[in-house]
Amino acid sequence: MIYNLAVLSAEAKDQLNTELAAAGVAFKERYNMPVVPIHIENEQPESLRAHFQEKLTTYRQLSVTLSRLPYEPKLKS
């Protein structure tokens, strides 16, 4: 396993960023934070949108098994 992300190929970096985006959407949904998954999906490369959907489904299923920490949004003053 490579730990230096700079040496990854462009395709591997795009795939990693797509997985990170899917994890971010699942996290925000878990804490009822505002997120529009279709907008995030449209930001992904066309070739990786199916991969984004697969990972998003995986992370959504995984988040059901995890406990939730209290989320308190910052109050605007």
N, C-alpha and C. Protein backbone atom coordinates (compact mmCIF):
# COMPACT_ATOMS: atom_id res chain seq x y z
N MET A 1 0.84 -1.17 0.00
CA MET A 1 0.00 0.00 0.00
C MET A 1 0.89 1.24 0.00
N ILE A 2 0.53 2.18 -0.84
CA ILE A 2 1.29 3.42 -0.96
C ILE A 2 0.68 4.46 -0.03
N TYR A 3 1.53 5.07 0.79
CA TYR A 3 1.06 6.10 1.70
C TYR A 3 1.33 7.50 1.18
N ASN A 4 2.23 7.63 0.21
CA ASN A 4 2.52 8.93 -0.37
C ASN A 4 1.54 9.16 -1.52
N LEU A 5 0.57 10.02 -1.30
CA LEU A 5 -0.47 10.23 -2.30
C LEU A 5 0.05 10.96 -3.53
N ALA A 6 1.17 11.61 -3.43
CA ALA A 6 1.73 12.34 -4.56
C ALA A 6 2.21 11.40 -5.66
N VAL A 7 2.53 10.17 -5.31
CA VAL A 7 3.03 9.23 -6.32
C VAL A 7 1.92 8.42 -6.99
N LEU A 8 0.68 8.64 -6.59
CA LEU A 8 -0.43 7.94 -7.21
C LEU A 8 -0.67 8.49 -8.62
N SER A 9 -1.23 7.67 -9.47
CA SER A 9 -1.58 8.11 -10.81
C SER A 9 -2.78 9.06 -10.73
N ALA A 10 -3.01 9.79 -11.80
CA ALA A 10 -4.12 10.74 -11.83
C ALA A 10 -5.46 10.01 -11.65
N GLU A 11 -5.59 8.83 -12.24
CA GLU A 11 -6.82 8.06 -12.10
C GLU A 11 -7.04 7.64 -10.65
N ALA A 12 -5.99 7.20 -10.00
CA ALA A 12 -6.10 6.79 -8.60
C ALA A 12 -6.44 7.98 -7.71
N LYS A 13 -5.88 9.14 -8.00
CA LYS A 13 -6.20 10.34 -7.22
C LYS A 13 -7.66 10.74 -7.41
N ASP A 14 -8.14 10.67 -8.66
CA ASP A 14 -9.55 10.99 -8.92
C ASP A 14 -10.47 10.02 -8.19
N GLN A 15 -10.12 8.75 -8.20
CA GLN A 15 -10.94 7.75 -7.51
C GLN A 15 -10.93 7.99 -6.01
N LEU A 16 -9.79 8.33 -5.47
CA LEU A 16 -9.67 8.62 -4.04
C LEU A 16 -10.50 9.85 -3.67
N ASN A 17 -10.46 10.88 -4.50
CA ASN A 17 -11.24 12.08 -4.24
C ASN A 17 -12.74 11.80 -4.34
N THR A 18 -13.12 10.92 -5.25
CA THR A 18 -14.53 10.54 -5.38
C THR A 18 -15.00 9.80 -4.13
N GLU A 19 -14.17 8.90 -3.62
CA GLU A 19 -14.52 8.18 -2.40
C GLU A 19 -14.61 9.13 -1.21
N LEU A 20 -13.72 10.10 -1.15
CA LEU A 20 -13.74 11.09 -0.08
C LEU A 20 -15.01 11.94 -0.15
N ALA A 21 -15.42 12.30 -1.35
CA ALA A 21 -16.65 13.07 -1.52
C ALA A 21 -17.87 12.26 -1.06
N ALA A 22 -17.90 10.98 -1.41
CA ALA A 22 -19.01 10.12 -1.00
C ALA A 22 -19.05 9.97 0.52
N ALA A 23 -17.89 9.83 1.14
CA ALA A 23 -17.83 9.72 2.60
C ALA A 23 -18.30 11.01 3.25
N GLY A 24 -17.95 12.15 2.65
CA GLY A 24 -18.38 13.44 3.19
C GLY A 24 -19.89 13.61 3.12
N VAL A 25 -20.49 13.17 2.02
CA VAL A 25 -21.95 13.25 1.89
C VAL A 25 -22.62 12.36 2.93
N ALA A 26 -22.14 11.15 3.09
CA ALA A 26 -22.72 10.23 4.07
C ALA A 26 -22.58 10.78 5.49
N PHE A 27 -21.44 11.38 5.77
CA PHE A 27 -21.23 11.98 7.10
C PHE A 27 -22.22 13.10 7.35
N LYS A 28 -22.39 13.98 6.39
CA LYS A 28 -23.31 15.11 6.57
C LYS A 28 -24.75 14.63 6.69
N GLU A 29 -25.12 13.61 5.93
CA GLU A 29 -26.47 13.06 6.06
C GLU A 29 -26.67 12.45 7.44
N ARG A 30 -25.65 11.82 7.94
CA ARG A 30 -25.74 11.17 9.25
C ARG A 30 -26.03 12.17 10.36
N TYR A 31 -25.47 13.36 10.23
CA TYR A 31 -25.64 14.40 11.24
C TYR A 31 -26.67 15.45 10.85
N ASN A 32 -27.47 15.15 9.84
CA ASN A 32 -28.53 16.06 9.38
C ASN A 32 -28.00 17.45 9.03
N MET A 33 -26.83 17.47 8.46
CA MET A 33 -26.25 18.73 7.99
C MET A 33 -26.71 18.96 6.56
N PRO A 34 -26.80 20.20 6.13
CA PRO A 34 -27.27 20.46 4.77
C PRO A 34 -26.28 19.96 3.72
N VAL A 35 -26.76 19.12 2.83
CA VAL A 35 -25.95 18.61 1.72
C VAL A 35 -26.89 18.17 0.61
N VAL A 36 -26.48 18.41 -0.63
CA VAL A 36 -27.26 17.99 -1.79
C VAL A 36 -26.40 16.98 -2.57
N PRO A 37 -26.66 15.69 -2.38
CA PRO A 37 -25.81 14.66 -2.99
C PRO A 37 -25.71 14.75 -4.51
N ILE A 38 -26.79 15.17 -5.17
CA ILE A 38 -26.76 15.24 -6.64
C ILE A 38 -25.78 16.30 -7.11
N HIS A 39 -25.62 17.37 -6.36
CA HIS A 39 -24.65 18.41 -6.73
C HIS A 39 -23.22 17.88 -6.58
N ILE A 40 -22.99 17.15 -5.51
CA ILE A 40 -21.66 16.57 -5.29
C ILE A 40 -21.37 15.54 -6.38
N GLU A 41 -22.37 14.76 -6.73
CA GLU A 41 -22.19 13.75 -7.78
C GLU A 41 -21.86 14.42 -9.12
N ASN A 42 -22.52 15.52 -9.42
CA ASN A 42 -22.26 16.21 -10.68
C ASN A 42 -20.87 16.83 -10.74
N GLU A 43 -20.25 17.05 -9.60
CA GLU A 43 -18.89 17.60 -9.56
C GLU A 43 -17.83 16.52 -9.84
N GLN A 44 -18.24 15.26 -9.78
CA GLN A 44 -17.30 14.16 -10.00
C GLN A 44 -17.10 13.94 -11.49
N PRO A 45 -15.94 13.41 -11.88
CA PRO A 45 -15.72 13.09 -13.30
C PRO A 45 -16.79 12.11 -13.80
N GLU A 46 -17.19 12.27 -15.04
CA GLU A 46 -18.25 11.45 -15.63
C GLU A 46 -17.96 9.95 -15.48
N SER A 47 -16.71 9.58 -15.65
CA SER A 47 -16.35 8.17 -15.60
C SER A 47 -16.43 7.58 -14.19
N LEU A 48 -16.47 8.43 -13.17
CA LEU A 48 -16.46 7.93 -11.79
C LEU A 48 -17.80 8.13 -11.07
N ARG A 49 -18.81 8.55 -11.78
CA ARG A 49 -20.10 8.79 -11.10
C ARG A 49 -20.75 7.49 -10.62
N ALA A 50 -20.59 6.42 -11.35
CA ALA A 50 -21.12 5.13 -10.89
C ALA A 50 -20.37 4.68 -9.64
N HIS A 51 -19.05 4.90 -9.64
CA HIS A 51 -18.24 4.56 -8.47
C HIS A 51 -18.67 5.41 -7.27
N PHE A 52 -18.98 6.68 -7.50
CA PHE A 52 -19.47 7.56 -6.44
C PHE A 52 -20.76 7.01 -5.85
N GLN A 53 -21.68 6.59 -6.70
CA GLN A 53 -22.96 6.04 -6.22
C GLN A 53 -22.75 4.77 -5.41
N GLU A 54 -21.85 3.91 -5.86
CA GLU A 54 -21.56 2.67 -5.13
C GLU A 54 -20.99 2.98 -3.75
N LYS A 55 -20.03 3.88 -3.70
CA LYS A 55 -19.40 4.22 -2.42
C LYS A 55 -20.37 4.94 -1.51
N LEU A 56 -21.21 5.80 -2.08
CA LEU A 56 -22.19 6.51 -1.26
C LEU A 56 -23.16 5.52 -0.62
N THR A 57 -23.60 4.54 -1.37
CA THR A 57 -24.48 3.50 -0.83
C THR A 57 -23.77 2.72 0.27
N THR A 58 -22.51 2.38 0.04
CA THR A 58 -21.72 1.65 1.04
C THR A 58 -21.59 2.46 2.32
N TYR A 59 -21.22 3.73 2.19
CA TYR A 59 -21.02 4.56 3.38
C TYR A 59 -22.33 4.85 4.10
N ARG A 60 -23.43 4.95 3.36
CA ARG A 60 -24.73 5.15 4.01
C ARG A 60 -25.09 3.92 4.85
N GLN A 61 -24.87 2.73 4.30
CA GLN A 61 -25.16 1.51 5.04
C GLN A 61 -24.25 1.38 6.25
N LEU A 62 -23.02 1.77 6.12
CA LEU A 62 -22.07 1.70 7.22
C LEU A 62 -22.43 2.69 8.32
N SER A 63 -22.93 3.87 7.94
CA SER A 63 -23.23 4.88 8.95
C SER A 63 -24.42 4.48 9.84
N VAL A 64 -25.25 3.57 9.35
CA VAL A 64 -26.38 3.10 10.16
C VAL A 64 -25.87 2.33 11.38
N THR A 65 -24.73 1.68 11.23
CA THR A 65 -24.20 0.87 12.32
C THR A 65 -23.40 1.68 13.34
N LEU A 66 -23.10 2.93 13.02
CA LEU A 66 -22.29 3.76 13.90
C LEU A 66 -23.15 4.61 14.82
N SER A 67 -22.62 4.94 15.98
CA SER A 67 -23.34 5.82 16.88
C SER A 67 -23.15 7.26 16.41
N ARG A 68 -24.01 8.13 16.91
CA ARG A 68 -23.93 9.53 16.51
C ARG A 68 -23.47 10.38 17.67
N LEU A 69 -22.58 11.28 17.38
CA LEU A 69 -22.16 12.26 18.37
C LEU A 69 -23.12 13.44 18.29
N PRO A 70 -23.26 14.18 19.36
CA PRO A 70 -24.16 15.33 19.27
C PRO A 70 -23.59 16.38 18.33
N TYR A 71 -24.42 16.85 17.42
CA TYR A 71 -24.01 17.90 16.50
C TYR A 71 -24.75 19.17 16.87
N GLU A 72 -24.02 20.18 17.18
CA GLU A 72 -24.61 21.46 17.51
C GLU A 72 -24.04 22.51 16.57
N PRO A 73 -24.88 22.98 15.62
CA PRO A 73 -24.37 23.96 14.68
C PRO A 73 -24.00 25.26 15.37
N LYS A 74 -23.02 25.95 14.81
CA LYS A 74 -22.61 27.23 15.38
C LYS A 74 -23.72 28.24 15.20
N LEU A 75 -23.96 28.98 16.24
CA LEU A 75 -24.98 30.02 16.18
C LEU A 75 -24.37 31.28 15.59
N LYS A 76 -25.10 31.87 14.66
CA LYS A 76 -24.63 33.11 14.06
C LYS A 76 -25.00 34.27 14.99
N SER A 77 -24.00 35.05 15.33
CA SER A 77 -24.31 36.16 16.24
C SER A 77 -23.97 37.47 15.60
